[in-house]
Every structure is written in structure tokens, then in C-alpha cells.
């Protein structure tokens, strides 16, 4: 008789445990809101315009897309002259935003990302295989016009940070995404 009476209690305990596990799993999944202002860029294409950057700077076009069942944001970018392209993945790992950047010009970077406020975020990147710098910090802000402003600072291999006046302004564009000439 005791076994029959304890069965409903066992079922109740199992339901509680399963609900708790499911709730914890849902709490750790990335939600679109966890990517902050970057979500507002999904499905859009932007063309960059250099400001205060050396005159030979190349113009690039970038696209923001969901990837990996909305657990990551993929940013594709390519130079309009077709010389190279790259992909940036922004994702969550251990309750923190991170990113990984890979280019067709044989270098990659990775590092933490963070939402600063409702309109801005940054990426700090460890540069691998770069001749002069070992880190770069890129700060992004969506301005009142809906354009993306990107600012840079660089850390030389000797540890000194160089705050740059380099800036890119990205505006919405309908131009085709560039094809890369690299083979």
C-alpha cells in the first residue's frame, strides 16, 4: 500500500525536477535580446565610408544575418574592389558575448564582445599573424540616422595602445554584395 501512495509523490518530484532542468536550459540559451542593438541590423546591408583613415583605405560592404538557429550573428564583409572578404561570428559562450573573425587574406582574430548600451557595443580582438599589432578594439554605435559608426584603437606588440582617429561610417545600401577575386 505504501508503494502506491508514494507513486504520486515520485511523479510530482520528477515533474518538478524536469521543469527545473528545462527552465535552467532556457535561461542559458541566447535570446535575440542578448545581442543588444546588433539585432536591429539583421537582414540589412551597409556600405562603409572611411573618415580620417589613410587615403588608400578600401570601401567595404557588410551584411548582418542570423546563423546557427539564431544562436549567432554572422557578419559578412567584402571590399568593393573584390580584393578580399571576411566573416565575423558573434556568439555567446559561458554567458558572455564573444566573436571570431576570419579573412581571405590569411589572418584571423577572436576575443570578447560586449553591449555598452542600447545603441553601442565593442569587440576586442587578439590578432593572430599580424605584423605590427596584437590587439584591436573596435567600438560601434548606431547613430540617430541609423548609420553605424565604427572607431578603432590598436595595441602594438610592445603593449602600447594607440587611440586612432580612424573611423568608418556604414550607411544602408542596395548595392550588390561584392564578389571576391581571390582564388
N, C-alpha and C. Protein backbone atom coordinates (compact mmCIF):
# COMPACT_ATOMS: atom_id res chain seq x y z
N UNK A 1 0.81 -1.19 0.00
CA UNK A 1 0.00 0.00 0.00
C UNK A 1 0.86 1.26 0.00
N UNK A 2 2.00 1.25 0.71
CA UNK A 2 2.88 2.41 0.74
C UNK A 2 3.44 2.72 -0.65
N UNK A 3 3.72 1.69 -1.43
CA UNK A 3 4.27 1.92 -2.77
C UNK A 3 3.28 2.70 -3.64
N UNK A 4 2.02 2.37 -3.57
CA UNK A 4 1.02 3.06 -4.36
C UNK A 4 0.88 4.51 -3.91
N UNK A 5 0.96 4.78 -2.61
CA UNK A 5 0.84 6.14 -2.11
C UNK A 5 2.07 6.98 -2.47
N UNK A 6 3.22 6.37 -2.55
CA UNK A 6 4.44 7.13 -2.86
C UNK A 6 4.60 7.39 -4.35
N UNK A 7 3.86 6.67 -5.19
CA UNK A 7 3.95 6.86 -6.63
C UNK A 7 3.55 8.29 -7.05
N UNK A 8 2.42 8.83 -6.57
CA UNK A 8 2.10 10.22 -6.94
C UNK A 8 3.17 11.21 -6.47
N UNK A 9 3.75 10.97 -5.32
CA UNK A 9 4.81 11.84 -4.83
C UNK A 9 6.03 11.77 -5.74
N UNK A 10 6.38 10.56 -6.17
CA UNK A 10 7.50 10.37 -7.08
C UNK A 10 7.25 11.09 -8.41
N UNK A 11 6.04 10.97 -8.93
CA UNK A 11 5.69 11.65 -10.19
C UNK A 11 5.80 13.15 -10.01
N UNK A 12 5.30 13.66 -8.89
CA UNK A 12 5.37 15.09 -8.60
C UNK A 12 6.82 15.58 -8.53
N UNK A 13 7.68 14.82 -7.86
CA UNK A 13 9.10 15.17 -7.75
C UNK A 13 9.76 15.16 -9.13
N UNK A 14 9.47 14.13 -9.93
CA UNK A 14 10.05 14.05 -11.29
C UNK A 14 9.61 15.24 -12.14
N UNK A 15 8.33 15.60 -12.06
CA UNK A 15 7.84 16.76 -12.82
C UNK A 15 8.56 18.03 -12.39
N UNK A 16 8.77 18.19 -11.09
CA UNK A 16 9.46 19.37 -10.57
C UNK A 16 10.90 19.42 -11.09
N UNK A 17 11.60 18.29 -11.02
CA UNK A 17 12.99 18.23 -11.48
C UNK A 17 13.08 18.52 -12.98
N UNK A 18 12.20 17.91 -13.78
CA UNK A 18 12.23 18.14 -15.23
C UNK A 18 11.92 19.60 -15.56
N UNK A 19 10.96 20.19 -14.86
CA UNK A 19 10.63 21.59 -15.08
C UNK A 19 11.81 22.49 -14.72
N UNK A 20 12.48 22.18 -13.62
CA UNK A 20 13.64 22.97 -13.20
C UNK A 20 14.76 22.87 -14.22
N UNK A 21 15.03 21.67 -14.71
CA UNK A 21 16.08 21.48 -15.72
C UNK A 21 15.74 22.24 -16.99
N UNK A 22 14.48 22.14 -17.44
CA UNK A 22 14.07 22.82 -18.66
C UNK A 22 14.17 24.34 -18.49
N UNK A 23 13.76 24.84 -17.34
CA UNK A 23 13.85 26.28 -17.07
C UNK A 23 15.29 26.74 -17.07
N UNK A 24 16.18 26.00 -16.44
CA UNK A 24 17.61 26.37 -16.43
C UNK A 24 18.18 26.36 -17.84
N UNK A 25 17.79 25.36 -18.64
CA UNK A 25 18.28 25.29 -20.02
C UNK A 25 17.80 26.49 -20.82
N UNK A 26 16.53 26.88 -20.64
CA UNK A 26 16.01 28.03 -21.35
C UNK A 26 16.70 29.31 -20.91
N UNK A 27 17.05 29.41 -19.65
CA UNK A 27 17.72 30.61 -19.14
C UNK A 27 19.12 30.78 -19.73
N UNK A 28 19.78 29.70 -20.09
CA UNK A 28 21.14 29.81 -20.62
C UNK A 28 21.19 29.94 -22.13
N UNK A 29 20.05 29.73 -22.82
CA UNK A 29 20.03 29.89 -24.27
C UNK A 29 20.13 31.37 -24.62
N UNK A 30 20.79 31.66 -25.73
CA UNK A 30 20.85 33.05 -26.17
C UNK A 30 19.50 33.43 -26.74
N UNK A 31 19.05 34.61 -26.40
CA UNK A 31 17.82 35.17 -26.94
C UNK A 31 18.23 36.34 -27.81
N UNK A 32 17.40 36.68 -28.80
CA UNK A 32 17.76 37.82 -29.66
C UNK A 32 18.09 39.09 -28.88
N UNK A 33 17.43 39.29 -27.74
CA UNK A 33 17.69 40.50 -26.96
C UNK A 33 19.09 40.51 -26.35
N UNK A 34 19.72 39.34 -26.21
CA UNK A 34 21.05 39.26 -25.63
C UNK A 34 22.12 39.87 -26.54
N UNK A 35 21.78 40.06 -27.80
CA UNK A 35 22.72 40.66 -28.74
C UNK A 35 22.55 42.18 -28.83
N UNK A 36 21.71 42.71 -27.99
CA UNK A 36 21.53 44.15 -27.89
C UNK A 36 21.19 44.81 -29.22
N UNK A 37 21.82 45.95 -29.50
CA UNK A 37 21.49 46.72 -30.70
C UNK A 37 21.88 46.04 -32.00
N UNK A 38 22.72 45.03 -31.94
CA UNK A 38 23.17 44.35 -33.16
C UNK A 38 21.99 43.69 -33.87
N UNK A 39 20.99 43.25 -33.09
CA UNK A 39 19.81 42.60 -33.66
C UNK A 39 19.10 43.50 -34.67
N UNK A 40 19.11 44.80 -34.43
CA UNK A 40 18.42 45.72 -35.33
C UNK A 40 19.07 45.78 -36.72
N UNK A 41 20.26 45.20 -36.86
CA UNK A 41 20.99 45.22 -38.14
C UNK A 41 20.73 43.98 -38.98
N UNK A 42 20.10 42.97 -38.39
CA UNK A 42 19.85 41.70 -39.08
C UNK A 42 19.06 41.94 -40.37
N UNK A 43 19.54 41.31 -41.45
CA UNK A 43 18.87 41.42 -42.74
C UNK A 43 19.20 42.69 -43.51
N UNK A 44 20.16 43.45 -43.03
CA UNK A 44 20.50 44.72 -43.68
C UNK A 44 21.92 44.68 -44.24
N UNK A 45 22.13 45.49 -45.28
CA UNK A 45 23.44 45.60 -45.92
C UNK A 45 23.90 47.06 -45.80
N UNK A 46 25.17 47.22 -45.44
CA UNK A 46 25.74 48.56 -45.22
C UNK A 46 27.01 48.73 -46.04
N UNK A 47 27.24 49.96 -46.48
CA UNK A 47 28.48 50.29 -47.19
C UNK A 47 29.27 51.27 -46.33
N UNK A 48 30.56 50.98 -46.17
CA UNK A 48 31.41 51.80 -45.32
C UNK A 48 32.02 52.98 -46.06
N UNK A 49 32.17 54.06 -45.33
CA UNK A 49 32.86 55.25 -45.82
C UNK A 49 33.94 55.60 -44.81
N UNK A 50 35.21 55.61 -45.20
CA UNK A 50 36.27 55.94 -44.25
C UNK A 50 36.29 57.43 -43.92
N UNK A 51 36.57 57.72 -42.66
CA UNK A 51 36.72 59.10 -42.17
C UNK A 51 38.03 59.14 -41.40
N UNK A 52 38.91 60.07 -41.72
CA UNK A 52 40.21 60.20 -41.03
C UNK A 52 41.07 58.95 -41.15
N UNK A 53 40.88 58.18 -42.16
CA UNK A 53 41.68 56.98 -42.38
C UNK A 53 42.57 57.26 -43.59
N UNK A 54 43.74 56.64 -43.61
CA UNK A 54 44.67 56.90 -44.71
C UNK A 54 43.94 56.80 -46.06
N UNK A 55 44.36 57.63 -47.00
CA UNK A 55 43.61 57.83 -48.24
C UNK A 55 43.45 56.59 -49.11
N UNK A 56 44.28 55.58 -48.91
CA UNK A 56 44.16 54.37 -49.71
C UNK A 56 43.22 53.33 -49.09
N UNK A 57 42.47 53.73 -48.07
CA UNK A 57 41.54 52.79 -47.43
C UNK A 57 40.54 52.26 -48.44
N UNK A 58 40.22 51.00 -48.27
CA UNK A 58 39.27 50.36 -49.17
C UNK A 58 37.86 50.49 -48.59
N UNK A 59 36.90 50.51 -49.48
CA UNK A 59 35.49 50.58 -49.11
C UNK A 59 34.97 49.14 -49.00
N UNK A 60 34.21 48.87 -47.95
CA UNK A 60 33.65 47.54 -47.82
C UNK A 60 32.14 47.59 -47.66
N UNK A 61 31.53 46.45 -47.94
CA UNK A 61 30.10 46.25 -47.75
C UNK A 61 29.95 45.10 -46.78
N UNK A 62 29.03 45.26 -45.81
CA UNK A 62 28.80 44.20 -44.84
C UNK A 62 27.33 43.89 -44.71
N UNK A 63 27.05 42.62 -44.42
CA UNK A 63 25.68 42.14 -44.23
C UNK A 63 25.58 41.45 -42.88
N UNK A 64 24.47 41.69 -42.19
CA UNK A 64 24.22 41.08 -40.88
C UNK A 64 23.12 40.03 -41.04
N UNK A 65 23.39 38.81 -40.54
CA UNK A 65 22.43 37.71 -40.67
C UNK A 65 22.43 36.85 -39.41
N UNK A 66 21.28 36.24 -39.14
CA UNK A 66 21.25 35.21 -38.10
C UNK A 66 21.94 33.98 -38.65
N UNK A 67 22.52 33.18 -37.78
CA UNK A 67 23.10 31.91 -38.17
C UNK A 67 23.00 30.94 -37.00
N UNK A 68 23.18 29.68 -37.29
CA UNK A 68 23.20 28.63 -36.27
C UNK A 68 21.96 28.69 -35.38
N UNK A 69 20.79 28.66 -36.02
CA UNK A 69 19.50 28.66 -35.33
C UNK A 69 19.36 29.85 -34.38
N UNK A 70 19.79 31.00 -34.83
CA UNK A 70 19.73 32.27 -34.07
C UNK A 70 20.56 32.24 -32.78
N UNK A 71 21.57 31.38 -32.75
CA UNK A 71 22.47 31.38 -31.60
C UNK A 71 23.71 32.23 -31.89
N UNK A 72 23.81 32.72 -33.13
CA UNK A 72 24.95 33.55 -33.51
C UNK A 72 24.51 34.55 -34.57
N UNK A 73 25.23 35.65 -34.63
CA UNK A 73 25.04 36.61 -35.71
C UNK A 73 26.27 36.52 -36.60
N UNK A 74 26.02 36.39 -37.91
CA UNK A 74 27.12 36.33 -38.87
C UNK A 74 27.17 37.67 -39.61
N UNK A 75 28.34 38.25 -39.65
CA UNK A 75 28.55 39.49 -40.39
C UNK A 75 29.53 39.18 -41.51
N UNK A 76 29.04 39.21 -42.74
CA UNK A 76 29.92 39.02 -43.89
C UNK A 76 30.36 40.40 -44.36
N UNK A 77 31.62 40.51 -44.72
CA UNK A 77 32.02 41.78 -45.34
C UNK A 77 33.05 41.53 -46.41
N UNK A 78 33.00 42.36 -47.44
CA UNK A 78 33.92 42.24 -48.57
C UNK A 78 34.24 43.64 -49.09
N UNK A 79 35.46 43.78 -49.59
CA UNK A 79 35.85 45.05 -50.19
C UNK A 79 35.22 45.17 -51.57
N UNK A 80 34.80 46.38 -51.91
CA UNK A 80 34.12 46.59 -53.19
C UNK A 80 35.02 46.34 -54.39
N UNK A 81 36.34 46.40 -54.19
CA UNK A 81 37.26 46.12 -55.30
C UNK A 81 37.49 44.62 -55.50
N UNK A 82 36.87 43.79 -54.66
CA UNK A 82 36.97 42.34 -54.80
C UNK A 82 38.25 41.74 -54.26
N UNK A 83 39.08 42.53 -53.59
CA UNK A 83 40.39 42.05 -53.14
C UNK A 83 40.33 41.05 -51.99
N UNK A 84 39.34 41.14 -51.13
CA UNK A 84 39.24 40.18 -50.03
C UNK A 84 37.86 40.25 -49.39
N UNK A 85 37.58 39.22 -48.62
CA UNK A 85 36.34 39.19 -47.86
C UNK A 85 36.59 38.50 -46.53
N UNK A 86 35.60 38.56 -45.66
CA UNK A 86 35.76 38.00 -44.31
C UNK A 86 34.40 37.68 -43.73
N UNK A 87 34.44 36.93 -42.65
CA UNK A 87 33.22 36.64 -41.91
C UNK A 87 33.50 36.82 -40.42
N UNK A 88 32.54 37.40 -39.72
CA UNK A 88 32.61 37.61 -38.28
C UNK A 88 31.42 36.91 -37.66
N UNK A 89 31.68 36.08 -36.66
CA UNK A 89 30.60 35.44 -35.90
C UNK A 89 30.59 36.04 -34.50
N UNK A 90 29.41 36.51 -34.08
CA UNK A 90 29.21 37.00 -32.72
C UNK A 90 28.32 35.96 -32.04
N UNK A 91 28.77 35.44 -30.91
CA UNK A 91 28.05 34.35 -30.25
C UNK A 91 28.25 34.45 -28.74
N UNK A 92 27.48 33.64 -28.01
CA UNK A 92 27.61 33.63 -26.56
C UNK A 92 28.32 32.34 -26.13
N UNK A 93 29.22 32.49 -25.19
CA UNK A 93 29.91 31.34 -24.62
C UNK A 93 30.11 31.63 -23.14
N UNK A 94 29.62 30.74 -22.31
CA UNK A 94 29.72 30.91 -20.85
C UNK A 94 29.16 32.27 -20.42
N UNK A 95 27.93 32.55 -20.88
CA UNK A 95 27.20 33.77 -20.51
C UNK A 95 27.93 35.05 -20.87
N UNK A 96 28.70 35.00 -21.94
CA UNK A 96 29.44 36.18 -22.37
C UNK A 96 29.46 36.23 -23.89
N UNK A 97 29.37 37.42 -24.44
CA UNK A 97 29.48 37.56 -25.89
C UNK A 97 30.93 37.47 -26.31
N UNK A 98 31.15 36.79 -27.41
CA UNK A 98 32.48 36.63 -27.99
C UNK A 98 32.34 36.76 -29.50
N UNK A 99 33.45 36.80 -30.17
CA UNK A 99 33.41 36.80 -31.63
C UNK A 99 34.66 36.12 -32.19
N UNK A 100 34.52 35.71 -33.43
CA UNK A 100 35.60 35.08 -34.18
C UNK A 100 35.57 35.69 -35.58
N UNK A 101 36.72 36.12 -36.07
CA UNK A 101 36.81 36.81 -37.36
C UNK A 101 37.85 36.11 -38.22
N UNK A 102 37.47 35.77 -39.43
CA UNK A 102 38.36 35.05 -40.35
C UNK A 102 38.30 35.73 -41.71
N UNK A 103 39.49 35.99 -42.28
CA UNK A 103 39.55 36.69 -43.57
C UNK A 103 40.16 35.81 -44.65
N UNK A 104 39.93 36.22 -45.89
CA UNK A 104 40.54 35.52 -47.02
C UNK A 104 41.98 35.98 -47.25
N UNK A 105 42.46 36.92 -46.43
CA UNK A 105 43.84 37.41 -46.56
C UNK A 105 44.76 36.77 -45.53
N UNK A 106 44.37 35.64 -45.03
CA UNK A 106 45.20 34.81 -44.15
C UNK A 106 45.45 35.37 -42.77
N UNK A 107 44.51 36.09 -42.20
CA UNK A 107 44.62 36.35 -40.78
C UNK A 107 43.26 36.22 -40.12
N UNK A 108 43.33 35.99 -38.83
CA UNK A 108 42.09 35.83 -38.07
C UNK A 108 42.27 36.50 -36.72
N UNK A 109 41.15 36.75 -36.09
CA UNK A 109 41.18 37.32 -34.75
C UNK A 109 39.99 36.78 -33.97
N UNK A 110 40.06 36.92 -32.66
CA UNK A 110 38.97 36.47 -31.81
C UNK A 110 39.07 37.22 -30.50
N UNK A 111 37.99 37.21 -29.74
CA UNK A 111 38.02 37.87 -28.45
C UNK A 111 36.65 38.17 -27.91
N UNK A 112 36.61 38.89 -26.80
CA UNK A 112 35.33 39.21 -26.17
C UNK A 112 34.60 40.34 -26.90
N UNK A 113 33.29 40.33 -26.76
CA UNK A 113 32.43 41.40 -27.23
C UNK A 113 31.53 41.79 -26.08
N UNK A 114 31.02 42.99 -26.09
CA UNK A 114 30.11 43.41 -25.02
C UNK A 114 29.18 44.50 -25.52
N UNK A 115 27.96 44.46 -25.01
CA UNK A 115 27.00 45.51 -25.27
C UNK A 115 27.30 46.65 -24.30
N UNK A 116 27.47 47.85 -24.80
CA UNK A 116 27.76 49.00 -23.95
C UNK A 116 26.46 49.65 -23.48
N UNK A 117 25.56 49.90 -24.43
CA UNK A 117 24.26 50.47 -24.10
C UNK A 117 23.30 50.12 -25.23
N UNK A 118 22.14 50.76 -25.28
CA UNK A 118 21.11 50.39 -26.26
C UNK A 118 21.50 50.69 -27.70
N UNK A 119 22.57 51.45 -27.91
CA UNK A 119 23.00 51.79 -29.27
C UNK A 119 24.43 51.42 -29.59
N UNK A 120 25.17 50.83 -28.65
CA UNK A 120 26.59 50.60 -28.94
C UNK A 120 27.12 49.31 -28.32
N UNK A 121 28.21 48.84 -28.89
CA UNK A 121 28.88 47.62 -28.46
C UNK A 121 30.34 47.70 -28.89
N UNK A 122 31.14 46.75 -28.40
CA UNK A 122 32.54 46.70 -28.84
C UNK A 122 32.98 45.26 -29.02
N UNK A 123 34.05 45.11 -29.79
CA UNK A 123 34.77 43.84 -29.95
C UNK A 123 36.22 44.14 -29.61
N UNK A 124 36.82 43.28 -28.82
CA UNK A 124 38.27 43.38 -28.59
C UNK A 124 38.86 42.11 -29.16
N UNK A 125 39.83 42.26 -30.02
CA UNK A 125 40.33 41.13 -30.78
C UNK A 125 41.81 40.88 -30.55
N UNK A 126 42.12 39.62 -30.34
CA UNK A 126 43.52 39.17 -30.37
C UNK A 126 43.83 38.96 -31.84
N UNK A 127 44.81 39.65 -32.34
CA UNK A 127 45.20 39.48 -33.74
C UNK A 127 46.26 38.40 -33.84
N UNK A 128 46.01 37.47 -34.70
CA UNK A 128 46.98 36.40 -34.94
C UNK A 128 47.60 36.65 -36.31
N UNK A 129 48.88 36.52 -36.40
CA UNK A 129 49.60 36.68 -37.67
C UNK A 129 49.58 38.11 -38.21
N UNK A 130 49.47 39.10 -37.35
CA UNK A 130 49.57 40.49 -37.81
C UNK A 130 50.99 40.97 -37.52
N UNK A 131 51.58 41.72 -38.45
CA UNK A 131 52.98 42.11 -38.32
C UNK A 131 53.26 43.14 -37.23
N UNK A 132 52.32 44.03 -36.94
CA UNK A 132 52.62 45.13 -36.02
C UNK A 132 51.79 45.12 -34.73
N UNK A 133 50.52 44.73 -34.82
CA UNK A 133 49.62 44.82 -33.67
C UNK A 133 49.23 43.44 -33.16
N UNK A 134 48.95 43.35 -31.85
CA UNK A 134 48.47 42.09 -31.31
C UNK A 134 47.02 42.18 -30.82
N UNK A 135 46.48 43.41 -30.71
CA UNK A 135 45.07 43.59 -30.33
C UNK A 135 44.49 44.80 -31.04
N UNK A 136 43.20 44.73 -31.27
CA UNK A 136 42.46 45.88 -31.77
C UNK A 136 41.13 45.94 -31.02
N UNK A 137 40.71 47.13 -30.71
CA UNK A 137 39.42 47.34 -30.05
C UNK A 137 38.56 48.15 -31.02
N UNK A 138 37.44 47.60 -31.42
CA UNK A 138 36.51 48.29 -32.31
C UNK A 138 35.25 48.61 -31.53
N UNK A 139 34.86 49.86 -31.52
CA UNK A 139 33.63 50.28 -30.86
C UNK A 139 32.65 50.71 -31.93
N UNK A 140 31.42 50.24 -31.79
CA UNK A 140 30.37 50.51 -32.77
C UNK A 140 29.24 51.27 -32.10
N UNK A 141 28.65 52.19 -32.86
CA UNK A 141 27.49 52.92 -32.34
C UNK A 141 26.51 53.14 -33.48
N UNK A 142 25.24 52.87 -33.21
CA UNK A 142 24.20 53.18 -34.19
C UNK A 142 23.74 54.61 -33.89
N UNK A 143 23.96 55.51 -34.84
CA UNK A 143 23.62 56.92 -34.59
C UNK A 143 22.15 57.20 -34.89
N UNK A 144 21.74 58.45 -34.73
CA UNK A 144 20.33 58.84 -34.89
C UNK A 144 19.80 58.56 -36.29
N UNK A 145 20.68 58.61 -37.28
CA UNK A 145 20.27 58.35 -38.67
C UNK A 145 20.19 56.86 -38.98
N UNK A 146 20.58 56.01 -38.05
CA UNK A 146 20.58 54.57 -38.29
C UNK A 146 21.86 54.07 -38.93
N UNK A 147 22.86 54.94 -39.05
CA UNK A 147 24.16 54.55 -39.59
C UNK A 147 25.00 53.95 -38.46
N UNK A 148 25.95 53.11 -38.84
CA UNK A 148 26.87 52.52 -37.87
C UNK A 148 28.17 53.31 -37.90
N UNK A 149 28.60 53.79 -36.74
CA UNK A 149 29.90 54.46 -36.62
C UNK A 149 30.85 53.46 -35.96
N UNK A 150 32.01 53.28 -36.56
CA UNK A 150 33.00 52.34 -36.03
C UNK A 150 34.29 53.10 -35.75
N UNK A 151 34.79 52.95 -34.51
CA UNK A 151 36.03 53.60 -34.06
C UNK A 151 37.04 52.52 -33.69
N UNK A 152 38.34 52.85 -33.78
CA UNK A 152 39.39 51.86 -33.54
C UNK A 152 40.43 52.35 -32.53
N UNK A 153 41.00 51.40 -31.81
CA UNK A 153 42.26 51.62 -31.09
C UNK A 153 43.06 50.33 -31.22
N UNK A 154 44.38 50.47 -31.28
CA UNK A 154 45.26 49.33 -31.55
C UNK A 154 46.30 49.18 -30.46
N UNK A 155 46.65 47.94 -30.15
CA UNK A 155 47.76 47.70 -29.22
C UNK A 155 48.93 47.13 -30.00
N UNK A 156 50.06 47.84 -29.92
CA UNK A 156 51.26 47.36 -30.59
C UNK A 156 51.81 46.17 -29.82
N UNK A 157 52.66 45.41 -30.46
CA UNK A 157 53.22 44.21 -29.82
C UNK A 157 54.03 44.53 -28.58
N UNK A 158 54.46 45.80 -28.42
CA UNK A 158 55.19 46.20 -27.21
C UNK A 158 54.24 46.55 -26.06
N UNK A 159 52.92 46.45 -26.28
CA UNK A 159 51.93 46.69 -25.23
C UNK A 159 51.33 48.08 -25.21
N UNK A 160 51.83 48.99 -26.03
CA UNK A 160 51.30 50.36 -26.06
C UNK A 160 50.03 50.44 -26.91
N UNK A 161 49.00 51.07 -26.34
CA UNK A 161 47.75 51.28 -27.08
C UNK A 161 47.84 52.57 -27.87
N UNK A 162 47.37 52.54 -29.08
CA UNK A 162 47.30 53.72 -29.94
C UNK A 162 45.83 53.99 -30.23
N UNK A 163 45.34 55.11 -29.69
CA UNK A 163 43.97 55.50 -29.99
C UNK A 163 43.99 56.16 -31.35
N UNK A 164 43.18 55.66 -32.22
CA UNK A 164 43.21 56.12 -33.60
C UNK A 164 42.07 57.10 -33.87
N UNK A 165 42.31 58.01 -34.78
CA UNK A 165 41.23 58.88 -35.24
C UNK A 165 40.48 58.20 -36.38
N UNK A 166 40.91 56.97 -36.70
CA UNK A 166 40.25 56.21 -37.76
C UNK A 166 38.78 56.01 -37.41
N UNK A 167 37.94 56.15 -38.40
CA UNK A 167 36.51 55.98 -38.18
C UNK A 167 35.90 55.53 -39.50
N UNK A 168 34.94 54.64 -39.41
CA UNK A 168 34.15 54.25 -40.57
C UNK A 168 32.70 54.59 -40.28
N UNK A 169 32.00 55.05 -41.29
CA UNK A 169 30.56 55.27 -41.20
C UNK A 169 29.92 54.30 -42.19
N UNK A 170 29.05 53.46 -41.68
CA UNK A 170 28.34 52.49 -42.53
C UNK A 170 26.91 52.95 -42.72
N UNK A 171 26.51 53.09 -44.00
CA UNK A 171 25.15 53.51 -44.34
C UNK A 171 24.47 52.39 -45.11
N UNK A 172 23.15 52.30 -44.94
CA UNK A 172 22.38 51.30 -45.67
C UNK A 172 22.64 51.43 -47.17
N UNK A 173 22.70 50.29 -47.84
CA UNK A 173 22.92 50.30 -49.28
C UNK A 173 22.12 49.18 -49.94
N UNK A 174 21.81 49.39 -51.22
CA UNK A 174 21.18 48.35 -52.04
C UNK A 174 22.17 47.77 -53.03
N UNK A 175 23.42 48.20 -52.95
CA UNK A 175 24.45 47.68 -53.86
C UNK A 175 24.59 46.17 -53.67
N UNK A 176 24.95 45.50 -54.74
CA UNK A 176 25.19 44.05 -54.65
C UNK A 176 26.36 43.77 -53.74
N UNK A 177 26.31 42.62 -53.10
CA UNK A 177 27.43 42.19 -52.28
C UNK A 177 28.60 41.87 -53.21
N UNK A 178 29.80 42.37 -52.94
CA UNK A 178 30.94 42.19 -53.84
C UNK A 178 31.37 40.72 -54.00
N UNK A 179 31.80 40.40 -55.18
CA UNK A 179 32.41 39.09 -55.43
C UNK A 179 33.91 39.24 -55.21
N UNK A 180 34.50 38.22 -54.60
CA UNK A 180 35.93 38.27 -54.30
C UNK A 180 36.73 37.70 -55.46
N UNK A 181 37.83 38.37 -55.80
CA UNK A 181 38.70 37.93 -56.89
C UNK A 181 39.68 36.86 -56.48
N UNK A 182 39.83 36.61 -55.17
CA UNK A 182 40.83 35.64 -54.70
C UNK A 182 40.41 34.23 -55.08
N UNK A 183 41.42 33.41 -55.40
CA UNK A 183 41.15 32.00 -55.74
C UNK A 183 41.72 31.11 -54.70
